[in-house]
Amino acid sequence: GPVPVLVAVRENGSEVYIKSRRYAVNLDFQLLNALK
């Protein structure tokens, strides 16, 4: 869907956010719960 996906990773003690070029989603509690 249209909602951007960011991947958060730790680098040198800081959290870095990387915007995915491939993935964007429809927000859905089913998706959020499955990911959790």
All heavy atoms as atom14 arrays in JSON, in Angstrom:
{
  "sequence": "GPVPVLVAVRENGSEVYIKSRRYAVNLDFQLLNALK",
  "atom14_mask": [
    [1, 1, 1, 1, 0, 0, 0, 0, 0, 0, 0, 0, 0, 0],
    [1, 1, 1, 1, 1, 1, 1, 0, 0, 0, 0, 0, 0, 0],
    [1, 1, 1, 1, 1, 1, 1, 0, 0, 0, 0, 0, 0, 0],
    [1, 1, 1, 1, 1, 1, 1, 0, 0, 0, 0, 0, 0, 0],
    [1, 1, 1, 1, 1, 1, 1, 0, 0, 0, 0, 0, 0, 0],
    [1, 1, 1, 1, 1, 1, 1, 1, 0, 0, 0, 0, 0, 0],
    [1, 1, 1, 1, 1, 1, 1, 0, 0, 0, 0, 0, 0, 0],
    [1, 1, 1, 1, 1, 0, 0, 0, 0, 0, 0, 0, 0, 0],
    [1, 1, 1, 1, 1, 1, 1, 0, 0, 0, 0, 0, 0, 0],
    [1, 1, 1, 1, 1, 1, 1, 1, 1, 1, 1, 0, 0, 0],
    [1, 1, 1, 1, 1, 1, 1, 1, 1, 0, 0, 0, 0, 0],
    [1, 1, 1, 1, 1, 1, 1, 1, 0, 0, 0, 0, 0, 0],
    [1, 1, 1, 1, 0, 0, 0, 0, 0, 0, 0, 0, 0, 0],
    [1, 1, 1, 1, 1, 1, 0, 0, 0, 0, 0, 0, 0, 0],
    [1, 1, 1, 1, 1, 1, 1, 1, 1, 0, 0, 0, 0, 0],
    [1, 1, 1, 1, 1, 1, 1, 0, 0, 0, 0, 0, 0, 0],
    [1, 1, 1, 1, 1, 1, 1, 1, 1, 1, 1, 1, 0, 0],
    [1, 1, 1, 1, 1, 1, 1, 1, 0, 0, 0, 0, 0, 0],
    [1, 1, 1, 1, 1, 1, 1, 1, 1, 0, 0, 0, 0, 0],
    [1, 1, 1, 1, 1, 1, 0, 0, 0, 0, 0, 0, 0, 0],
    [1, 1, 1, 1, 1, 1, 1, 1, 1, 1, 1, 0, 0, 0],
    [1, 1, 1, 1, 1, 1, 1, 1, 1, 1, 1, 0, 0, 0],
    [1, 1, 1, 1, 1, 1, 1, 1, 1, 1, 1, 1, 0, 0],
    [1, 1, 1, 1, 1, 0, 0, 0, 0, 0, 0, 0, 0, 0],
    [1, 1, 1, 1, 1, 1, 1, 0, 0, 0, 0, 0, 0, 0],
    [1, 1, 1, 1, 1, 1, 1, 1, 0, 0, 0, 0, 0, 0],
    [1, 1, 1, 1, 1, 1, 1, 1, 0, 0, 0, 0, 0, 0],
    [1, 1, 1, 1, 1, 1, 1, 1, 0, 0, 0, 0, 0, 0],
    [1, 1, 1, 1, 1, 1, 1, 1, 1, 1, 1, 0, 0, 0],
    [1, 1, 1, 1, 1, 1, 1, 1, 1, 0, 0, 0, 0, 0],
    [1, 1, 1, 1, 1, 1, 1, 1, 0, 0, 0, 0, 0, 0],
    [1, 1, 1, 1, 1, 1, 1, 1, 0, 0, 0, 0, 0, 0],
    [1, 1, 1, 1, 1, 1, 1, 1, 0, 0, 0, 0, 0, 0],
    [1, 1, 1, 1, 1, 0, 0, 0, 0, 0, 0, 0, 0, 0],
    [1, 1, 1, 1, 1, 1, 1, 1, 0, 0, 0, 0, 0, 0],
    [1, 1, 1, 1, 1, 1, 1, 1, 1, 0, 0, 0, 0, 0]
  ],
  "atom14_positions": [
    [[0.83, -1.2, 0.0], [0.0, 0.0, 0.0], [0.86, 1.25, 0.0], [2.04, 1.19, -0.35], [0.0, 0.0, 0.0], [0.0, 0.0, 0.0], [0.0, 0.0, 0.0], [0.0, 0.0, 0.0], [0.0, 0.0, 0.0], [0.0, 0.0, 0.0], [0.0, 0.0, 0.0], [0.0, 0.0, 0.0], [0.0, 0.0, 0.0], [0.0, 0.0, 0.0]],
    [[0.31, 2.38, 0.44], [1.0, 3.67, 0.33], [1.86, 4.09, 1.54], [2.6, 5.06, 1.46], [-0.16, 4.65, 0.16], [-1.26, 4.04, 0.97], [-1.1, 2.54, 0.79], [0.0, 0.0, 0.0], [0.0, 0.0, 0.0], [0.0, 0.0, 0.0], [0.0, 0.0, 0.0], [0.0, 0.0, 0.0], [0.0, 0.0, 0.0], [0.0, 0.0, 0.0]],
    [[1.77, 3.39, 2.65], [2.45, 3.83, 3.87], [3.91, 3.4, 3.85], [4.21, 2.21, 3.71], [1.73, 3.28, 5.13], [2.49, 3.65, 6.4], [0.3, 3.78, 5.19], [0.0, 0.0, 0.0], [0.0, 0.0, 0.0], [0.0, 0.0, 0.0], [0.0, 0.0, 0.0], [0.0, 0.0, 0.0], [0.0, 0.0, 0.0], [0.0, 0.0, 0.0]],
    [[4.84, 4.37, 3.99], [6.27, 4.04, 3.95], [6.69, 3.09, 5.08], [6.12, 3.11, 6.16], [6.96, 5.4, 4.15], [5.93, 6.43, 3.92], [4.6, 5.79, 4.21], [0.0, 0.0, 0.0], [0.0, 0.0, 0.0], [0.0, 0.0, 0.0], [0.0, 0.0, 0.0], [0.0, 0.0, 0.0], [0.0, 0.0, 0.0], [0.0, 0.0, 0.0]],
    [[7.69, 2.29, 4.77], [8.28, 1.37, 5.76], [9.71, 1.82, 6.02], [10.48, 2.03, 5.09], [8.25, -0.09, 5.26], [9.0, -1.0, 6.23], [6.82, -0.56, 5.07], [0.0, 0.0, 0.0], [0.0, 0.0, 0.0], [0.0, 0.0, 0.0], [0.0, 0.0, 0.0], [0.0, 0.0, 0.0], [0.0, 0.0, 0.0], [0.0, 0.0, 0.0]],
    [[10.05, 1.97, 7.29], [11.42, 2.28, 7.7], [11.99, 1.08, 8.44], [11.28, 0.41, 9.18], [11.46, 3.48, 8.66], [10.97, 4.82, 8.15], [11.11, 5.86, 9.24], [11.72, 5.24, 6.93], [0.0, 0.0, 0.0], [0.0, 0.0, 0.0], [0.0, 0.0, 0.0], [0.0, 0.0, 0.0], [0.0, 0.0, 0.0], [0.0, 0.0, 0.0]],
    [[13.26, 0.83, 8.22], [13.97, -0.2, 8.97], [14.89, 0.52, 9.94], [15.66, 1.4, 9.54], [14.77, -1.13, 8.02], [15.55, -2.14, 8.83], [13.83, -1.81, 7.04], [0.0, 0.0, 0.0], [0.0, 0.0, 0.0], [0.0, 0.0, 0.0], [0.0, 0.0, 0.0], [0.0, 0.0, 0.0], [0.0, 0.0, 0.0], [0.0, 0.0, 0.0]],
    [[14.78, 0.18, 11.21], [15.62, 0.79, 12.24], [16.7, -0.21, 12.65], [16.4, -1.36, 12.96], [14.77, 1.18, 13.45], [0.0, 0.0, 0.0], [0.0, 0.0, 0.0], [0.0, 0.0, 0.0], [0.0, 0.0, 0.0], [0.0, 0.0, 0.0], [0.0, 0.0, 0.0], [0.0, 0.0, 0.0], [0.0, 0.0, 0.0], [0.0, 0.0, 0.0]],
    [[17.94, 0.24, 12.6], [19.07, -0.59, 13.01], [19.97, 0.22, 13.93], [19.97, 1.45, 13.89], [19.88, -1.11, 11.79], [19.04, -2.06, 10.96], [20.37, 0.03, 10.94], [0.0, 0.0, 0.0], [0.0, 0.0, 0.0], [0.0, 0.0, 0.0], [0.0, 0.0, 0.0], [0.0, 0.0, 0.0], [0.0, 0.0, 0.0], [0.0, 0.0, 0.0]],
    [[20.72, -0.49, 14.76], [21.68, 0.19, 15.65], [23.02, 0.24, 14.96], [23.5, -0.75, 14.43], [21.79, -0.55, 16.97], [20.47, -0.49, 17.68], [20.45, -0.31, 19.14], [21.2, 0.63, 19.87], [20.78, 1.88, 20.18], [19.67, 2.34, 19.72], [21.5, 2.64, 20.96], [0.0, 0.0, 0.0], [0.0, 0.0, 0.0], [0.0, 0.0, 0.0]],
    [[23.6, 1.44, 14.94], [24.92, 1.62, 14.34], [25.72, 2.57, 15.21], [25.29, 3.7, 15.47], [24.76, 2.2, 12.92], [26.07, 2.33, 12.18], [25.86, 2.78, 10.75], [25.33, 2.01, 9.96], [26.24, 3.94, 10.46], [0.0, 0.0, 0.0], [0.0, 0.0, 0.0], [0.0, 0.0, 0.0], [0.0, 0.0, 0.0], [0.0, 0.0, 0.0]],
    [[26.87, 2.11, 15.69], [27.73, 2.91, 16.55], [26.98, 3.49, 17.74], [27.15, 4.64, 18.1], [28.39, 4.04, 15.75], [29.28, 3.52, 14.65], [29.9, 2.48, 14.79], [29.35, 4.24, 13.55], [0.0, 0.0, 0.0], [0.0, 0.0, 0.0], [0.0, 0.0, 0.0], [0.0, 0.0, 0.0], [0.0, 0.0, 0.0], [0.0, 0.0, 0.0]],
    [[26.09, 2.69, 18.34], [25.37, 3.11, 19.53], [24.15, 3.97, 19.27], [23.45, 4.34, 20.2], [0.0, 0.0, 0.0], [0.0, 0.0, 0.0], [0.0, 0.0, 0.0], [0.0, 0.0, 0.0], [0.0, 0.0, 0.0], [0.0, 0.0, 0.0], [0.0, 0.0, 0.0], [0.0, 0.0, 0.0], [0.0, 0.0, 0.0], [0.0, 0.0, 0.0]],
    [[23.87, 4.3, 18.02], [22.71, 5.12, 17.68], [21.74, 4.31, 16.84], [22.14, 3.38, 16.14], [23.13, 6.35, 16.87], [23.97, 7.16, 17.62], [0.0, 0.0, 0.0], [0.0, 0.0, 0.0], [0.0, 0.0, 0.0], [0.0, 0.0, 0.0], [0.0, 0.0, 0.0], [0.0, 0.0, 0.0], [0.0, 0.0, 0.0], [0.0, 0.0, 0.0]],
    [[20.47, 4.69, 16.91], [19.48, 4.04, 16.06], [19.38, 4.83, 14.75], [19.22, 6.04, 14.76], [18.13, 4.0, 16.76], [17.15, 3.08, 16.09], [16.01, 2.7, 17.02], [15.14, 3.56, 17.22], [16.02, 1.58, 17.53], [0.0, 0.0, 0.0], [0.0, 0.0, 0.0], [0.0, 0.0, 0.0], [0.0, 0.0, 0.0], [0.0, 0.0, 0.0]],
    [[19.49, 4.11, 13.64], [19.46, 4.72, 12.31], [18.22, 4.2, 11.59], [17.93, 3.0, 11.62], [20.73, 4.34, 11.51], [20.68, 4.91, 10.11], [21.98, 4.82, 12.24], [0.0, 0.0, 0.0], [0.0, 0.0, 0.0], [0.0, 0.0, 0.0], [0.0, 0.0, 0.0], [0.0, 0.0, 0.0], [0.0, 0.0, 0.0], [0.0, 0.0, 0.0]],
    [[17.49, 5.11, 10.94], [16.28, 4.75, 10.19], [16.58, 4.78, 8.7], [17.08, 5.77, 8.18], [15.14, 5.72, 10.49], [14.71, 5.67, 11.93], [15.27, 6.5, 12.88], [13.72, 4.77, 12.35], [14.87, 6.46, 14.21], [13.32, 4.71, 13.68], [13.9, 5.56, 14.59], [13.51, 5.5, 15.89], [0.0, 0.0, 0.0], [0.0, 0.0, 0.0]],
    [[16.25, 3.68, 8.03], [16.48, 3.57, 6.59], [15.12, 3.35, 5.93], [14.42, 2.38, 6.24], [17.41, 2.39, 6.26], [18.73, 2.56, 7.01], [17.61, 2.26, 4.76], [19.56, 1.3, 7.08], [0.0, 0.0, 0.0], [0.0, 0.0, 0.0], [0.0, 0.0, 0.0], [0.0, 0.0, 0.0], [0.0, 0.0, 0.0], [0.0, 0.0, 0.0]],
    [[14.75, 4.26, 5.02], [13.46, 4.13, 4.33], [13.59, 3.07, 3.24], [14.49, 3.12, 2.41], [13.03, 5.46, 3.73], [11.66, 5.39, 3.08], [11.23, 6.75, 2.59], [9.87, 6.66, 1.93], [9.44, 7.96, 1.42], [0.0, 0.0, 0.0], [0.0, 0.0, 0.0], [0.0, 0.0, 0.0], [0.0, 0.0, 0.0], [0.0, 0.0, 0.0]],
    [[12.66, 2.11, 3.26], [12.67, 1.05, 2.27], [12.23, 1.58, 0.92], [11.24, 2.29, 0.82], [11.73, -0.08, 2.71], [11.62, -1.03, 1.68], [0.0, 0.0, 0.0], [0.0, 0.0, 0.0], [0.0, 0.0, 0.0], [0.0, 0.0, 0.0], [0.0, 0.0, 0.0], [0.0, 0.0, 0.0], [0.0, 0.0, 0.0], [0.0, 0.0, 0.0]],
    [[12.96, 1.23, -0.11], [12.56, 1.58, -1.48], [11.6, 0.55, -2.04], [10.84, 0.83, -2.95], [13.78, 1.66, -2.39], [14.68, 2.82, -2.06], [15.81, 2.91, -3.04], [16.72, 3.96, -2.64], [17.85, 4.2, -3.24], [18.23, 3.47, -4.27], [18.63, 5.17, -2.83], [0.0, 0.0, 0.0], [0.0, 0.0, 0.0], [0.0, 0.0, 0.0]],
    [[11.64, -0.65, -1.49], [10.82, -1.75, -2.01], [9.47, -1.85, -1.34], [8.47, -2.19, -1.96], [11.57, -3.06, -1.86], [10.73, -4.23, -2.31], [11.46, -5.52, -2.3], [10.53, -6.58, -2.67], [10.82, -7.84, -2.64], [12.02, -8.23, -2.28], [9.93, -8.73, -2.98], [0.0, 0.0, 0.0], [0.0, 0.0, 0.0], [0.0, 0.0, 0.0]],
    [[9.41, -1.58, -0.03], [8.2, -1.87, 0.72], [7.45, -0.61, 1.14], [8.05, 0.36, 1.62], [8.52, -2.68, 1.98], [9.09, -4.04, 1.66], [10.45, -4.27, 1.73], [8.26, -5.08, 1.27], [10.97, -5.52, 1.43], [8.78, -6.33, 0.96], [10.13, -6.54, 1.03], [10.65, -7.76, 0.72], [0.0, 0.0, 0.0], [0.0, 0.0, 0.0]],
    [[6.15, -0.65, 0.94], [5.18, 0.3, 1.48], [3.93, -0.53, 1.72], [3.67, -1.49, 0.99], [4.93, 1.44, 0.5], [0.0, 0.0, 0.0], [0.0, 0.0, 0.0], [0.0, 0.0, 0.0], [0.0, 0.0, 0.0], [0.0, 0.0, 0.0], [0.0, 0.0, 0.0], [0.0, 0.0, 0.0], [0.0, 0.0, 0.0], [0.0, 0.0, 0.0]],
    [[3.16, -0.19, 2.74], [2.07, -1.07, 3.16], [0.77, -0.32, 3.4], [0.75, 0.91, 3.54], [2.45, -1.82, 4.46], [3.64, -2.74, 4.25], [2.72, -0.85, 5.6], [0.0, 0.0, 0.0], [0.0, 0.0, 0.0], [0.0, 0.0, 0.0], [0.0, 0.0, 0.0], [0.0, 0.0, 0.0], [0.0, 0.0, 0.0], [0.0, 0.0, 0.0]],
    [[-0.31, -1.09, 3.45], [-1.58, -0.61, 3.98], [-1.53, -0.87, 5.47], [-1.21, -1.99, 5.88], [-2.77, -1.37, 3.37], [-3.15, -0.85, 2.01], [-3.26, 0.36, 1.82], [-3.33, -1.75, 1.07], [0.0, 0.0, 0.0], [0.0, 0.0, 0.0], [0.0, 0.0, 0.0], [0.0, 0.0, 0.0], [0.0, 0.0, 0.0], [0.0, 0.0, 0.0]],
    [[-1.82, 0.14, 6.27], [-1.81, -0.07, 7.72], [-2.97, -0.96, 8.11], [-4.11, -0.73, 7.7], [-1.92, 1.26, 8.45], [-0.67, 2.11, 8.43], [-0.89, 3.37, 9.23], [0.51, 1.35, 8.97], [0.0, 0.0, 0.0], [0.0, 0.0, 0.0], [0.0, 0.0, 0.0], [0.0, 0.0, 0.0], [0.0, 0.0, 0.0], [0.0, 0.0, 0.0]],
    [[-2.67, -1.96, 8.86], [-3.67, -2.94, 9.27], [-3.19, -3.55, 10.58], [-2.02, -3.91, 10.7], [-3.8, -4.0, 8.17], [-4.92, -4.97, 8.42], [-4.81, -5.77, 9.38], [-5.89, -4.93, 7.67], [0.0, 0.0, 0.0], [0.0, 0.0, 0.0], [0.0, 0.0, 0.0], [0.0, 0.0, 0.0], [0.0, 0.0, 0.0], [0.0, 0.0, 0.0]],
    [[-4.1, -3.68, 11.54], [-3.69, -4.26, 12.82], [-3.25, -5.7, 12.67], [-2.43, -6.19, 13.42], [-4.81, -4.13, 13.86], [-4.92, -2.73, 14.41], [-6.02, -1.95, 14.13], [-3.9, -2.21, 15.19], [-6.11, -0.67, 14.62], [-3.98, -0.92, 15.68], [-5.1, -0.15, 15.4], [0.0, 0.0, 0.0], [0.0, 0.0, 0.0], [0.0, 0.0, 0.0]],
    [[-3.79, -6.4, 11.69], [-3.37, -7.78, 11.44], [-1.89, -7.82, 11.06], [-1.14, -8.66, 11.55], [-4.23, -8.4, 10.33], [-3.93, -9.85, 10.08], [-4.79, -10.42, 8.96], [-5.64, -9.74, 8.39], [-4.57, -11.68, 8.65], [0.0, 0.0, 0.0], [0.0, 0.0, 0.0], [0.0, 0.0, 0.0], [0.0, 0.0, 0.0], [0.0, 0.0, 0.0]],
    [[-1.47, -6.89, 10.21], [-0.05, -6.8, 9.83], [0.8, -6.44, 11.03], [1.81, -7.09, 11.31], [0.14, -5.76, 8.72], [1.59, -5.39, 8.39], [2.36, -6.6, 7.87], [1.64, -4.25, 7.39], [0.0, 0.0, 0.0], [0.0, 0.0, 0.0], [0.0, 0.0, 0.0], [0.0, 0.0, 0.0], [0.0, 0.0, 0.0], [0.0, 0.0, 0.0]],
    [[0.41, -5.4, 11.75], [1.19, -4.96, 12.91], [1.33, -6.07, 13.94], [2.42, -6.33, 14.44], [0.53, -3.72, 13.52], [1.38, -2.84, 14.4], [2.65, -2.39, 13.7], [0.6, -1.65, 14.89], [0.0, 0.0, 0.0], [0.0, 0.0, 0.0], [0.0, 0.0, 0.0], [0.0, 0.0, 0.0], [0.0, 0.0, 0.0], [0.0, 0.0, 0.0]],
    [[0.24, -6.76, 14.21], [0.28, -7.86, 15.19], [1.16, -9.01, 14.7], [1.9, -9.6, 15.49], [-1.13, -8.34, 15.52], [-1.9, -7.34, 16.35], [-1.31, -6.52, 17.05], [-3.21, -7.38, 16.24], [0.0, 0.0, 0.0], [0.0, 0.0, 0.0], [0.0, 0.0, 0.0], [0.0, 0.0, 0.0], [0.0, 0.0, 0.0], [0.0, 0.0, 0.0]],
    [[1.09, -9.33, 13.42], [1.92, -10.41, 12.87], [3.4, -10.05, 12.98], [4.23, -10.89, 13.33], [1.54, -10.68, 11.42], [0.0, 0.0, 0.0], [0.0, 0.0, 0.0], [0.0, 0.0, 0.0], [0.0, 0.0, 0.0], [0.0, 0.0, 0.0], [0.0, 0.0, 0.0], [0.0, 0.0, 0.0], [0.0, 0.0, 0.0], [0.0, 0.0, 0.0]],
    [[3.74, -8.8, 12.68], [5.14, -8.37, 12.77], [5.63, -8.4, 14.21], [6.75, -8.83, 14.49], [5.3, -6.96, 12.19], [5.1, -6.85, 10.67], [5.1, -5.39, 10.25], [6.16, -7.63, 9.92], [0.0, 0.0, 0.0], [0.0, 0.0, 0.0], [0.0, 0.0, 0.0], [0.0, 0.0, 0.0], [0.0, 0.0, 0.0], [0.0, 0.0, 0.0]],
    [[4.78, -7.97, 15.15], [5.17, -8.01, 16.56], [5.37, -9.44, 17.04], [6.27, -9.72, 17.81], [4.11, -7.3, 17.41], [4.13, -5.81, 17.26], [3.09, -5.16, 18.12], [3.19, -3.65, 18.04], [2.33, -2.99, 19.02], [0.0, 0.0, 0.0], [0.0, 0.0, 0.0], [0.0, 0.0, 0.0], [0.0, 0.0, 0.0], [0.0, 0.0, 0.0]]
  ]
}
